[in-house]
PDB file of N, CA and C in Angstrom:
ATOM      1  N   MET A   1     103.556 -60.860-101.625  1.00  0.00           N
ATOM      2  CA  MET A   1     103.900 -59.361-101.640  1.00  0.00           C
ATOM      3  C   MET A   1     102.559 -58.661-101.560  1.00  0.00           C
ATOM      4  N   VAL A   2     102.607 -57.697-100.836  1.00  0.00           N
ATOM      5  CA  VAL A   2     101.493 -56.715-100.696  1.00  0.00           C
ATOM      6  C   VAL A   2     102.088 -55.374-100.555  1.00  0.00           C
ATOM      7  N   SER A   3     101.406 -54.287-101.159  1.00  0.00           N
ATOM      8  CA  SER A   3     101.963 -52.865-101.081  1.00  0.00           C
ATOM      9  C   SER A   3     100.816 -51.901-100.994  1.00  0.00           C
ATOM     10  N   GLU A   4     101.214 -50.790-100.668  1.00  0.00           N
ATOM     11  CA  GLU A   4     100.215 -49.622-100.652  1.00  0.00           C
ATOM     12  C   GLU A   4     101.092 -48.402-100.910  1.00  0.00           C
ATOM     13  N   ILE A   5     100.451 -47.470-101.641  1.00  0.00           N
ATOM     14  CA  ILE A   5     101.018 -46.084-101.876  1.00  0.00           C
ATOM     15  C   ILE A   5     100.295 -45.260-100.777  1.00  0.00           C
ATOM     16  N   VAL A   6     101.335 -44.460-100.088  1.00  0.00           N
ATOM     17  CA  VAL A   6     100.852 -43.514 -99.084  1.00  0.00           C
ATOM     18  C   VAL A   6     101.471 -42.122 -99.249  1.00  0.00           C
ATOM     19  N   THR A   7     100.955 -41.126 -98.820  1.00  0.00           N
ATOM     20  CA  THR A   7     101.726 -39.708 -98.920  1.00  0.00           C
ATOM     21  C   THR A   7     102.020 -39.424 -97.472  1.00  0.00           C
ATOM     22  N   VAL A   8     103.297 -38.960 -97.494  1.00  0.00           N
ATOM     23  CA  VAL A   8     104.079 -38.696 -96.204  1.00  0.00           C
ATOM     24  C   VAL A   8     103.554 -37.264 -95.866  1.00  0.00           C
ATOM     25  N   THR A   9     103.002 -37.086 -94.616  1.00  0.00           N
ATOM     26  CA  THR A   9     102.388 -35.869 -94.299  1.00  0.00           C
ATOM     27  C   THR A   9     102.954 -35.003 -93.256  1.00  0.00           C
ATOM     28  N   ASN A  10     103.890 -35.614 -92.393  1.00  0.00           N
ATOM     29  CA  ASN A  10     104.678 -34.900 -91.407  1.00  0.00           C
ATOM     30  C   ASN A  10     105.579 -33.947 -92.096  1.00  0.00           C
ATOM     31  N   LYS A  11     105.856 -32.789 -91.241  1.00  0.00           N
ATOM     32  CA  LYS A  11     106.664 -31.795 -91.771  1.00  0.00           C
ATOM     33  C   LYS A  11     107.970 -32.040 -92.337  1.00  0.00           C
ATOM     34  N   THR A  12     108.745 -32.976 -91.585  1.00  0.00           N
ATOM     35  CA  THR A  12     110.154 -33.277 -92.040  1.00  0.00           C
ATOM     36  C   THR A  12     110.227 -34.519 -92.780  1.00  0.00           C
ATOM     37  N   GLY A  13     109.148 -35.080 -93.335  1.00  0.00           N
ATOM     38  CA  GLY A  13     109.315 -36.322 -94.073  1.00  0.00           C
ATOM     39  C   GLY A  13     109.898 -37.485 -93.250  1.00  0.00           C
ATOM     40  N   LEU A  14     110.677 -38.342 -93.943  1.00  0.00           N
ATOM     41  CA  LEU A  14     111.270 -39.461 -93.240  1.00  0.00           C
ATOM     42  C   LEU A  14     112.755 -39.174 -92.928  1.00  0.00           C
ATOM     43  N   HIS A  15     112.901 -38.181 -92.076  1.00  0.00           N
ATOM     44  CA  HIS A  15     114.166 -37.735 -91.603  1.00  0.00           C
ATOM     45  C   HIS A  15     114.336 -37.976 -90.090  1.00  0.00           C
ATOM     46  N   ALA A  16     115.530 -38.292 -89.596  1.00  0.00           N
ATOM     47  CA  ALA A  16     115.895 -38.411 -88.171  1.00  0.00           C
ATOM     48  C   ALA A  16     114.906 -39.148 -87.269  1.00  0.00           C
ATOM     49  N   ARG A  17     114.126 -38.286 -86.540  1.00  0.00           N
ATOM     50  CA  ARG A  17     113.252 -38.978 -85.594  1.00  0.00           C
ATOM     51  C   ARG A  17     112.058 -39.727 -86.172  1.00  0.00           C
ATOM     52  N   PRO A  18     111.341 -39.157 -87.245  1.00  0.00           N
ATOM     53  CA  PRO A  18     110.401 -39.918 -87.827  1.00  0.00           C
ATOM     54  C   PRO A  18     110.984 -41.236 -88.527  1.00  0.00           C
ATOM     55  N   ALA A  19     112.094 -41.138 -89.075  1.00  0.00           N
ATOM     56  CA  ALA A  19     112.644 -42.444 -89.782  1.00  0.00           C
ATOM     57  C   ALA A  19     112.801 -43.325 -88.593  1.00  0.00           C
ATOM     58  N   ASN A  20     113.295 -42.871 -87.571  1.00  0.00           N
ATOM     59  CA  ASN A  20     113.590 -43.939 -86.365  1.00  0.00           C
ATOM     60  C   ASN A  20     112.248 -44.452 -85.948  1.00  0.00           C
ATOM     61  N   ALA A  21     111.107 -43.742 -85.881  1.00  0.00           N
ATOM     62  CA  ALA A  21     109.860 -44.274 -85.576  1.00  0.00           C
ATOM     63  C   ALA A  21     109.322 -45.270 -86.543  1.00  0.00           C
ATOM     64  N   PHE A  22     109.668 -44.974 -87.862  1.00  0.00           N
ATOM     65  CA  PHE A  22     109.308 -45.926 -88.823  1.00  0.00           C
ATOM     66  C   PHE A  22     109.947 -47.213 -88.570  1.00  0.00           C
ATOM     67  N   ILE A  23     111.238 -47.215 -88.542  1.00  0.00           N
ATOM     68  CA  ILE A  23     112.117 -48.416 -88.352  1.00  0.00           C
ATOM     69  C   ILE A  23     111.578 -49.257 -87.142  1.00  0.00           C
ATOM     70  N   LYS A  24     111.374 -48.615 -86.092  1.00  0.00           N
ATOM     71  CA  LYS A  24     110.904 -49.404 -84.851  1.00  0.00           C
ATOM     72  C   LYS A  24     109.681 -50.273 -85.296  1.00  0.00           C
ATOM     73  N   VAL A  25     108.686 -49.685 -86.059  1.00  0.00           N
ATOM     74  CA  VAL A  25     107.584 -50.377 -86.418  1.00  0.00           C
ATOM     75  C   VAL A  25     107.891 -51.550 -87.460  1.00  0.00           C
ATOM     76  N   ALA A  26     108.716 -51.153 -88.311  1.00  0.00           N
ATOM     77  CA  ALA A  26     109.315 -52.092 -89.329  1.00  0.00           C
ATOM     78  C   ALA A  26     109.962 -53.364 -88.741  1.00  0.00           C
ATOM     79  N   LEU A  27     110.896 -53.004 -87.842  1.00  0.00           N
ATOM     80  CA  LEU A  27     111.676 -53.956 -87.227  1.00  0.00           C
ATOM     81  C   LEU A  27     110.721 -55.012 -86.340  1.00  0.00           C
ATOM     82  N   ALA A  28     109.529 -54.451 -85.957  1.00  0.00           N
ATOM     83  CA  ALA A  28     108.784 -55.360 -85.208  1.00  0.00           C
ATOM     84  C   ALA A  28     107.858 -56.444 -85.982  1.00  0.00           C
ATOM     85  N   GLN A  29     108.235 -56.242 -87.346  1.00  0.00           N
ATOM     86  CA  GLN A  29     107.366 -57.169 -88.337  1.00  0.00           C
ATOM     87  C   GLN A  29     108.244 -58.329 -88.672  1.00  0.00           C
ATOM     88  N   PRO A  30     107.655 -59.502 -88.871  1.00  0.00           N
ATOM     89  CA  PRO A  30     108.420 -60.681 -89.297  1.00  0.00           C
ATOM     90  C   PRO A  30     108.868 -60.850 -90.677  1.00  0.00           C
ATOM     91  N   CYS A  31     108.509 -59.876 -91.403  1.00  0.00           N
ATOM     92  CA  CYS A  31     108.602 -59.912 -92.893  1.00  0.00           C
ATOM     93  C   CYS A  31     109.386 -58.887 -93.355  1.00  0.00           C
ATOM     94  N   ALA A  32     109.928 -58.773 -94.585  1.00  0.00           N
ATOM     95  CA  ALA A  32     110.680 -57.790 -95.148  1.00  0.00           C
ATOM     96  C   ALA A  32     109.771 -56.556 -95.471  1.00  0.00           C
ATOM     97  N   ILE A  33     110.287 -55.353 -95.152  1.00  0.00           N
ATOM     98  CA  ILE A  33     109.591 -54.159 -95.418  1.00  0.00           C
ATOM     99  C   ILE A  33     110.499 -53.291 -96.377  1.00  0.00           C
ATOM    100  N   LYS A  34     109.908 -52.813 -97.405  1.00  0.00           N
ATOM    101  CA  LYS A  34     110.586 -51.908 -98.433  1.00  0.00           C
ATOM    102  C   LYS A  34     109.926 -50.728 -98.675  1.00  0.00           C
ATOM    103  N   ILE A  35     110.600 -49.626 -98.944  1.00  0.00           N
ATOM    104  CA  ILE A  35     110.057 -48.324 -99.335  1.00  0.00           C
ATOM    105  C   ILE A  35     110.486 -48.183-100.760  1.00  0.00           C
ATOM    106  N   LYS A  36     109.440 -47.966-101.723  1.00  0.00           N
ATOM    107  CA  LYS A  36     109.865 -47.791-103.201  1.00  0.00           C
ATOM    108  C   LYS A  36     109.494 -46.148-103.485  1.00  0.00           C
ATOM    109  N   LYS A  37     110.397 -45.645-103.903  1.00  0.00           N
ATOM    110  CA  LYS A  37     110.399 -44.111-104.274  1.00  0.00           C
ATOM    111  C   LYS A  37     111.123 -43.861-105.650  1.00  0.00           C
ATOM    112  N   ASN A  38     110.487 -43.367-106.596  1.00  0.00           N
ATOM    113  CA  ASN A  38     111.080 -43.124-107.901  1.00  0.00           C
ATOM    114  C   ASN A  38     111.639 -44.377-108.518  1.00  0.00           C
ATOM    115  N   ASP A  39     110.937 -45.520-108.419  1.00  0.00           N
ATOM    116  CA  ASP A  39     111.338 -46.787-108.830  1.00  0.00           C
ATOM    117  C   ASP A  39     112.700 -47.332-108.171  1.00  0.00           C
ATOM    118  N   LYS A  40     113.079 -46.791-107.095  1.00  0.00           N
ATOM    119  CA  LYS A  40     114.270 -47.330-106.259  1.00  0.00           C
ATOM    120  C   LYS A  40     113.577 -47.983-105.085  1.00  0.00           C
ATOM    121  N   LEU A  41     114.323 -49.010-104.692  1.00  0.00           N
ATOM    122  CA  LEU A  41     113.865 -49.836-103.339  1.00  0.00           C
ATOM    123  C   LEU A  41     114.697 -49.483-102.378  1.00  0.00           C
ATOM    124  N   PHE A  42     114.197 -49.266-101.190  1.00  0.00           N
ATOM    125  CA  PHE A  42     115.135 -49.104 -99.931  1.00  0.00           C
ATOM    126  C   PHE A  42     114.467 -50.022 -98.871  1.00  0.00           C
ATOM    127  N   ASN A  43     115.425 -50.576 -98.095  1.00  0.00           N
ATOM    128  CA  ASN A  43     115.177 -51.453 -97.005  1.00  0.00           C
ATOM    129  C   ASN A  43     114.651 -50.630 -95.916  1.00  0.00           C
ATOM    130  N   GLY A  44     113.297 -50.806 -95.487  1.00  0.00           N
ATOM    131  CA  GLY A  44     112.583 -50.312 -94.573  1.00  0.00           C
ATOM    132  C   GLY A  44     112.912 -50.498 -93.088  1.00  0.00           C
ATOM    133  N   LYS A  45     113.991 -51.375 -92.975  1.00  0.00           N
ATOM    134  CA  LYS A  45     114.422 -51.907 -91.605  1.00  0.00           C
ATOM    135  C   LYS A  45     115.793 -51.271 -91.361  1.00  0.00           C
ATOM    136  N   SER A  46     116.260 -50.506 -92.245  1.00  0.00           N
ATOM    137  CA  SER A  46     117.733 -49.918 -92.112  1.00  0.00           C
ATOM    138  C   SER A  46     117.557 -48.388 -92.079  1.00  0.00           C
ATOM    139  N   ILE A  47     118.038 -47.823 -90.969  1.00  0.00           N
ATOM    140  CA  ILE A  47     117.977 -46.391 -90.803  1.00  0.00           C
ATOM    141  C   ILE A  47     118.818 -45.731 -91.994  1.00  0.00           C
ATOM    142  N   VAL A  48     119.850 -46.286 -92.285  1.00  0.00           N
ATOM    143  CA  VAL A  48     120.564 -45.796 -93.465  1.00  0.00           C
ATOM    144  C   VAL A  48     119.810 -45.637 -94.728  1.00  0.00           C
ATOM    145  N   ASN A  49     119.098 -46.786 -94.966  1.00  0.00           N
ATOM    146  CA  ASN A  49     118.468 -46.731 -96.264  1.00  0.00           C
ATOM    147  C   ASN A  49     117.136 -45.888 -96.204  1.00  0.00           C
ATOM    148  N   VAL A  50     116.520 -45.857 -95.016  1.00  0.00           N
ATOM    149  CA  VAL A  50     115.343 -45.075 -94.981  1.00  0.00           C
ATOM    150  C   VAL A  50     115.766 -43.417 -95.142  1.00  0.00           C
ATOM    151  N   LEU A  51     116.753 -43.150 -94.559  1.00  0.00           N
ATOM    152  CA  LEU A  51     117.404 -41.700 -94.664  1.00  0.00           C
ATOM    153  C   LEU A  51     117.828 -41.469 -96.029  1.00  0.00           C
ATOM    154  N   ALA A  52     118.426 -42.514 -96.755  1.00  0.00           N
ATOM    155  CA  ALA A  52     118.934 -42.410 -98.218  1.00  0.00           C
ATOM    156  C   ALA A  52     117.750 -42.239 -99.085  1.00  0.00           C
ATOM    157  N   ALA A  53     116.491 -42.633 -98.723  1.00  0.00           N
ATOM    158  CA  ALA A  53     115.336 -42.526 -99.604  1.00  0.00           C
ATOM    159  C   ALA A  53     114.997 -40.952 -99.702  1.00  0.00           C
ATOM    160  N   SER A  54     115.379 -40.244 -98.685  1.00  0.00           N
ATOM    161  CA  SER A  54     115.286 -38.640 -98.749  1.00  0.00           C
ATOM    162  C   SER A  54     113.710 -38.427 -98.985  1.00  0.00           C
ATOM    163  N   VAL A  55     112.784 -38.916 -98.272  1.00  0.00           N
ATOM    164  CA  VAL A  55     111.342 -38.705 -98.530  1.00  0.00           C
ATOM    165  C   VAL A  55     111.011 -37.326 -97.795  1.00  0.00           C
ATOM    166  N   LYS A  56     110.420 -36.505 -98.603  1.00  0.00           N
ATOM    167  CA  LYS A  56     109.989 -35.206 -98.051  1.00  0.00           C
ATOM    168  C   LYS A  56     108.412 -35.205 -97.869  1.00  0.00           C
ATOM    169  N   CYS A  57     107.957 -34.149 -97.093  1.00  0.00           N
ATOM    170  CA  CYS A  57     106.570 -33.901 -96.892  1.00  0.00           C
ATOM    171  C   CYS A  57     105.809 -33.778 -98.239  1.00  0.00           C
ATOM    172  N   GLY A  58     104.808 -34.483 -98.181  1.00  0.00           N
ATOM    173  CA  GLY A  58     103.965 -34.334 -99.415  1.00  0.00           C
ATOM    174  C   GLY A  58     104.231 -35.345-100.591  1.00  0.00           C
ATOM    175  N   GLU A  59     105.395 -36.119-100.472  1.00  0.00           N
ATOM    176  CA  GLU A  59     105.807 -37.077-101.454  1.00  0.00           C
ATOM    177  C   GLU A  59     105.085 -38.294-101.229  1.00  0.00           C
ATOM    178  N   GLU A  60     104.685 -39.235-102.282  1.00  0.00           N
ATOM    179  CA  GLU A  60     104.075 -40.432-102.267  1.00  0.00           C
ATOM    180  C   GLU A  60     105.165 -41.485-102.295  1.00  0.00           C
ATOM    181  N   ILE A  61     105.050 -42.494-101.523  1.00  0.00           N
ATOM    182  CA  ILE A  61     106.040 -43.625-101.438  1.00  0.00           C
ATOM    183  C   ILE A  61     105.065 -44.928-101.480  1.00  0.00           C
ATOM    184  N   GLU A  62     105.594 -45.922-101.954  1.00  0.00           N
ATOM    185  CA  GLU A  62     105.057 -47.351-101.950  1.00  0.00           C
ATOM    186  C   GLU A  62     105.665 -48.096-100.992  1.00  0.00           C
ATOM    187  N   LEU A  63     104.872 -48.524 -99.842  1.00  0.00           N
ATOM    188  CA  LEU A  63     105.267 -49.432 -98.943  1.00  0.00           C
ATOM    189  C   LEU A  63     105.108 -50.943 -99.276  1.00  0.00           C
ATOM    190  N   ILE A  64     106.062 -51.733 -99.085  1.00  0.00           N
ATOM    191  CA  ILE A  64     105.900 -53.039 -99.641  1.00  0.00           C
ATOM    192  C   ILE A  64     106.275 -54.156 -98.460  1.00  0.00           C
ATOM    193  N   ALA A  65     105.452 -55.050 -98.325  1.00  0.00           N
ATOM    194  CA  ALA A  65     105.820 -56.076 -97.307  1.00  0.00           C
ATOM    195  C   ALA A  65     105.642 -57.394 -97.929  1.00  0.00           C
ATOM    196  N   GLU A  66     106.723 -58.283 -97.730  1.00  0.00           N
ATOM    197  CA  GLU A  66     106.778 -59.655 -98.301  1.00  0.00           C
ATOM    198  C   GLU A  66     107.324 -60.633 -97.264  1.00  0.00           C
ATOM    199  N   GLY A  67     106.491 -61.754 -97.136  1.00  0.00           N
ATOM    200  CA  GLY A  67     106.842 -62.730 -96.212  1.00  0.00           C
ATOM    201  C   GLY A  67     105.802 -62.971 -95.199  1.00  0.00           C
ATOM    202  N   GLU A  68     106.225 -63.446 -94.102  1.00  0.00           N
ATOM    203  CA  GLU A  68     105.203 -63.861 -92.923  1.00  0.00           C
ATOM    204  C   GLU A  68     104.360 -62.730 -92.431  1.00  0.00           C
ATOM    205  N   ASN A  69     103.122 -62.980 -92.420  1.00  0.00           N
ATOM    206  CA  ASN A  69     102.145 -61.928 -91.940  1.00  0.00           C
ATOM    207  C   ASN A  69     102.243 -60.699 -92.708  1.00  0.00           C
ATOM    208  N   GLU A  70     102.501 -60.675 -93.924  1.00  0.00           N
ATOM    209  CA  GLU A  70     102.751 -59.554 -94.695  1.00  0.00           C
ATOM    210  C   GLU A  70     101.617 -58.463 -94.734  1.00  0.00           C
ATOM    211  N   GLN A  71     100.415 -58.846 -94.788  1.00  0.00           N
ATOM    212  CA  GLN A  71      99.173 -57.854 -94.736  1.00  0.00           C
ATOM    213  C   GLN A  71      99.228 -57.085 -93.408  1.00  0.00           C
ATOM    214  N   ARG A  72      99.381 -57.975 -92.355  1.00  0.00           N
ATOM    215  CA  ARG A  72      99.322 -57.357 -91.055  1.00  0.00           C
ATOM    216  C   ARG A  72     100.577 -56.162 -91.063  1.00  0.00           C
ATOM    217  N   ALA A  73     101.774 -56.744 -91.387  1.00  0.00           N
ATOM    218  CA  ALA A  73     102.933 -55.815 -91.399  1.00  0.00           C
ATOM    219  C   ALA A  73     102.701 -54.632 -92.229  1.00  0.00           C
ATOM    220  N   LEU A  74     102.126 -54.684 -93.420  1.00  0.00           N
ATOM    221  CA  LEU A  74     101.907 -53.564 -94.238  1.00  0.00           C
ATOM    222  C   LEU A  74     100.932 -52.521 -93.500  1.00  0.00           C
ATOM    223  N   ASP A  75      99.901 -53.173 -93.018  1.00  0.00           N
ATOM    224  CA  ASP A  75      98.827 -52.412 -92.257  1.00  0.00           C
ATOM    225  C   ASP A  75      99.568 -51.432 -91.122  1.00  0.00           C
ATOM    226  N   ALA A  76     100.493 -52.125 -90.431  1.00  0.00           N
ATOM    227  CA  ALA A  76     101.254 -51.454 -89.397  1.00  0.00           C
ATOM    228  C   ALA A  76     102.043 -50.317 -89.800  1.00  0.00           C
ATOM    229  N   VAL A  77     102.756 -50.517 -90.928  1.00  0.00           N
ATOM    230  CA  VAL A  77     103.769 -49.513 -91.345  1.00  0.00           C
ATOM    231  C   VAL A  77     103.004 -48.385 -92.104  1.00  0.00           C
ATOM    232  N   VAL A  78     101.890 -48.597 -92.914  1.00  0.00           N
ATOM    233  CA  VAL A  78     100.978 -47.795 -93.306  1.00  0.00           C
ATOM    234  C   VAL A  78     100.355 -46.740 -92.333  1.00  0.00           C
ATOM    235  N   ALA A  79      99.767 -47.480 -91.208  1.00  0.00           N
ATOM    236  CA  ALA A  79      99.179 -46.700 -90.091  1.00  0.00           C
ATOM    237  C   ALA A  79     100.263 -45.772 -89.479  1.00  0.00           C
ATOM    238  N   ALA A  80     101.343 -46.271 -89.430  1.00  0.00           N
ATOM    239  CA  ALA A  80     102.577 -45.525 -88.775  1.00  0.00           C
ATOM    240  C   ALA A  80     102.755 -44.113 -89.520  1.00  0.00           C
ATOM    241  N   VAL A  81     102.858 -44.327 -90.795  1.00  0.00           N
ATOM    242  CA  VAL A  81     103.183 -43.211 -91.766  1.00  0.00           C
ATOM    243  C   VAL A  81     101.988 -42.289 -91.835  1.00  0.00           C
ATOM    244  N   LYS A  82     100.728 -42.820 -91.912  1.00  0.00           N
ATOM    245  CA  LYS A  82      99.499 -42.112 -91.887  1.00  0.00           C
ATOM    246  C   LYS A  82      99.375 -41.294 -90.529  1.00  0.00           C
ATOM    247  N   SER A  83      99.782 -41.703 -89.456  1.00  0.00           N
ATOM    248  CA  SER A  83      99.688 -41.137 -88.238  1.00  0.00           C
ATOM    249  C   SER A  83     100.844 -39.878 -87.975  1.00  0.00           C
ATOM    250  N   GLY A  84     101.774 -39.820 -88.842  1.00  0.00           N
ATOM    251  CA  GLY A  84     102.622 -38.779 -88.903  1.00  0.00           C
ATOM    252  C   GLY A  84     103.938 -39.099 -88.125  1.00  0.00           C
ATOM    253  N   LEU A  85     104.061 -40.347 -87.681  1.00  0.00           N
ATOM    254  CA  LEU A  85     105.241 -40.880 -87.053  1.00  0.00           C
ATOM    255  C   LEU A  85     105.764 -39.926 -86.004  1.00  0.00           C
ATOM    256  N   GLY A  86     104.695 -39.481 -85.081  1.00  0.00           N
ATOM    257  CA  GLY A  86     104.998 -38.698 -83.897  1.00  0.00           C
ATOM    258  C   GLY A  86     105.179 -37.217 -84.155  1.00  0.00           C
ATOM    259  N   GLU A  87     104.848 -36.861 -85.312  1.00  0.00           N
ATOM    260  CA  GLU A  87     105.158 -35.247 -85.759  1.00  0.00           C
ATOM    261  C   GLU A  87     103.724 -34.790 -86.240  1.00  0.00           C
ATOM    262  N   SER A  88     103.703 -33.538 -86.157  1.00  0.00           N
ATOM    263  CA  SER A  88     102.438 -32.906 -86.838  1.00  0.00           C
ATOM    264  C   SER A  88     102.518 -32.859 -88.344  1.00  0.00           C
ATOM    265  N   ALA A  89     101.300 -32.695 -88.910  1.00  0.00           N
ATOM    266  CA  ALA A  89     101.279 -32.714 -90.335  1.00  0.00           C
ATOM    267  C   ALA A  89     101.689 -31.423 -90.972  1.00  0.00           C
ATOM    268  N   GLY A  90     102.313 -31.546 -92.143  1.00  0.00           N
ATOM    269  CA  GLY A  90     102.912 -30.292 -92.856  1.00  0.00           C
ATOM    270  C   GLY A  90     102.041 -30.116 -94.115  1.00  0.00           C
ATOM    271  N   VAL A  91     101.366 -31.188 -94.565  1.00  0.00           N
ATOM    272  CA  VAL A  91     100.527 -31.056 -95.774  1.00  0.00           C
ATOM    273  C   VAL A  91      98.985 -30.792 -95.365  1.00  0.00           C
TER     274      VAL A  91
END
């Protein structure tokens, strides 16, 4: 298991369109992807779970990858979040 804490910087956080962009990156990975927020874990490959995490602009989340090629998977989802998931930065 590998993890990294990132700050969500896009204006709408992980809602609707950016959540979908996150899911696409997560689903392309061969291992489990989780989002940890306030000590709660959310399945990073489930749109319902990502939206339920209710991540807002400026919040820190921990991204966790576990399984096959976990470091490469973590790098991919971290890069996606840092890129703003197709939206401009709000922070």
